[in-house]
Amino acid sequence: MSTTASAREDDLSEEELAGLELIRETKGIHQSDFWKELDISSRQGSRVVDTLLEEELIERFETVYKGNRTYFLRPISRDLDFSLLMAGDMLSPLIGEESVDETSDRFSQWVMQLAFENR
């Protein structure tokens, strides 16, 4: 199996690429709607989903939709979001630390900035 998402995508069939694009465009879709949107059989849809799961391009969660048990398909994002580590322009003092001194000025300032931003 290839190691990067783009290399994984290079090996996909047209049907699988269309399925991946649909999942990405919708930011997630129920499997029961997935094959209908692609205008393929449920069996073909299941094979496409299996390939995309195998290539780690999507993830699948069991859910109930319109009263029926199905799966929700969501793209796996390879983009890292560091915004969760930030408070304003301050990087979390927890990064790289094995123990945190919650009484330190650096930690207190970071928490205060978080509180200020979430007003």
Protein backbone atom coordinates (compact mmCIF):
# COMPACT_ATOMS: atom_id res chain seq x y z
CA MET A 1 0.00 0.00 0.00
CA SER A 2 1.23 3.51 -0.79
CA THR A 3 2.28 5.79 2.03
CA THR A 4 0.75 9.11 0.96
CA ALA A 5 -2.85 10.03 0.25
CA SER A 6 -2.06 11.19 -3.30
CA ALA A 7 -0.19 7.96 -4.05
CA ARG A 8 -3.16 6.01 -2.72
CA GLU A 9 -5.50 8.00 -4.95
CA ASP A 10 -3.39 7.27 -8.06
CA ASP A 11 -4.34 3.58 -7.78
CA LEU A 12 -8.11 4.17 -7.56
CA SER A 13 -10.58 3.36 -10.33
CA GLU A 14 -12.78 6.09 -11.82
CA GLU A 15 -15.69 4.85 -9.72
CA GLU A 16 -13.60 4.96 -6.53
CA LEU A 17 -12.30 8.45 -7.34
CA ALA A 18 -15.87 9.64 -7.94
CA GLY A 19 -16.90 8.17 -4.60
CA LEU A 20 -13.99 9.81 -2.79
CA GLU A 21 -14.80 13.15 -4.41
CA LEU A 22 -18.45 12.84 -3.38
CA ILE A 23 -17.50 12.12 0.23
CA ARG A 24 -15.07 15.04 0.27
CA GLU A 25 -17.49 17.49 -1.37
CA THR A 26 -20.30 16.63 1.03
CA LYS A 27 -17.88 16.44 3.99
CA GLY A 28 -19.56 13.13 4.75
CA ILE A 29 -22.53 11.14 3.51
CA HIS A 30 -24.65 8.23 4.67
CA GLN A 31 -23.70 5.01 2.92
CA SER A 32 -27.36 4.43 2.03
CA ASP A 33 -27.27 7.67 -0.01
CA PHE A 34 -23.72 7.22 -1.27
CA TRP A 35 -24.38 4.59 -3.93
CA LYS A 36 -27.60 6.31 -5.02
CA GLU A 37 -25.75 9.60 -5.59
CA LEU A 38 -23.12 7.75 -7.65
CA ASP A 39 -25.87 5.94 -9.57
CA ILE A 40 -24.36 2.52 -8.87
CA SER A 41 -25.71 -0.60 -7.17
CA SER A 42 -25.45 -1.01 -3.41
CA ARG A 43 -23.05 -3.91 -4.03
CA GLN A 44 -20.77 -1.70 -6.16
CA GLY A 45 -21.07 1.05 -3.55
CA SER A 46 -19.97 -1.35 -0.82
CA ARG A 47 -16.92 -2.36 -2.85
CA VAL A 48 -15.99 1.29 -3.42
CA VAL A 49 -16.37 2.02 0.30
CA ASP A 50 -14.27 -1.04 1.20
CA THR A 51 -11.46 0.15 -1.06
CA LEU A 52 -11.55 3.71 0.30
CA LEU A 53 -11.49 2.35 3.85
CA GLU A 54 -8.63 -0.01 3.01
CA GLU A 55 -6.63 2.88 1.54
CA GLU A 56 -7.38 4.94 4.69
CA LEU A 57 -8.95 7.76 2.67
CA ILE A 58 -12.29 7.68 4.54
CA GLU A 59 -13.65 6.55 7.88
CA ARG A 60 -17.01 4.90 8.59
CA PHE A 61 -19.27 5.21 11.64
CA GLU A 62 -22.36 3.16 12.42
CA THR A 63 -25.48 5.35 12.73
CA VAL A 64 -29.26 5.42 12.34
CA TYR A 65 -30.60 7.46 9.42
CA LYS A 66 -34.26 7.79 8.46
CA GLY A 67 -35.04 5.04 10.96
CA ASN A 68 -32.59 2.56 9.43
CA ARG A 69 -29.20 1.36 10.57
CA THR A 70 -26.50 2.52 8.14
CA TYR A 71 -23.02 4.00 8.11
CA PHE A 72 -21.82 7.55 7.84
CA LEU A 73 -18.80 7.98 5.58
CA ARG A 74 -16.42 10.84 6.26
CA PRO A 75 -13.16 11.84 4.55
CA ILE A 76 -9.98 11.51 6.55
CA SER A 77 -8.24 14.85 6.62
CA ARG A 78 -4.48 14.83 6.25
CA ASP A 79 -4.32 18.54 7.07
CA LEU A 80 -3.11 19.26 10.57
CA ASP A 81 -4.99 21.93 12.50
CA PHE A 82 -2.69 23.59 15.00
CA SER A 83 -5.27 26.23 15.92
CA LEU A 84 -6.37 24.09 18.86
CA LEU A 85 -2.94 24.59 20.40
CA MET A 86 -3.13 28.36 20.10
CA ALA A 87 -4.53 31.10 22.31
CA GLY A 88 -4.17 34.26 20.24
CA ASP A 89 -0.54 34.18 19.16
CA MET A 90 0.54 32.07 22.15
CA LEU A 91 1.39 28.41 21.62
CA SER A 92 0.25 26.01 24.33
CA PRO A 93 2.80 25.67 27.12
CA LEU A 94 1.81 21.99 27.33
CA ILE A 95 3.63 21.04 24.13
CA GLY A 96 6.70 18.94 24.80
CA GLU A 97 6.29 19.06 28.54
CA GLU A 98 6.02 15.89 30.56
CA SER A 99 4.69 17.76 33.56
CA VAL A 100 3.03 21.16 33.61
CA ASP A 101 3.29 23.71 36.35
CA GLU A 102 -0.26 25.03 36.39
CA THR A 103 0.89 27.89 38.64
CA SER A 104 3.44 29.18 36.11
CA ASP A 105 2.95 32.58 34.52
CA ARG A 106 3.25 31.11 31.04
CA PHE A 107 0.43 28.64 31.64
CA SER A 108 -1.77 31.25 33.37
CA GLN A 109 -1.34 33.72 30.50
CA TRP A 110 -2.24 31.05 27.95
CA VAL A 111 -5.41 30.08 29.86
CA MET A 112 -6.39 33.75 30.27
CA GLN A 113 -6.00 34.28 26.51
CA LEU A 114 -8.23 31.25 25.85
CA ALA A 115 -10.88 32.65 28.18
CA PHE A 116 -10.65 36.07 26.53
CA GLU A 117 -11.08 34.61 23.03
CA ASN A 118 -14.11 32.53 24.03
CA ARG A 119 -16.19 35.41 25.36
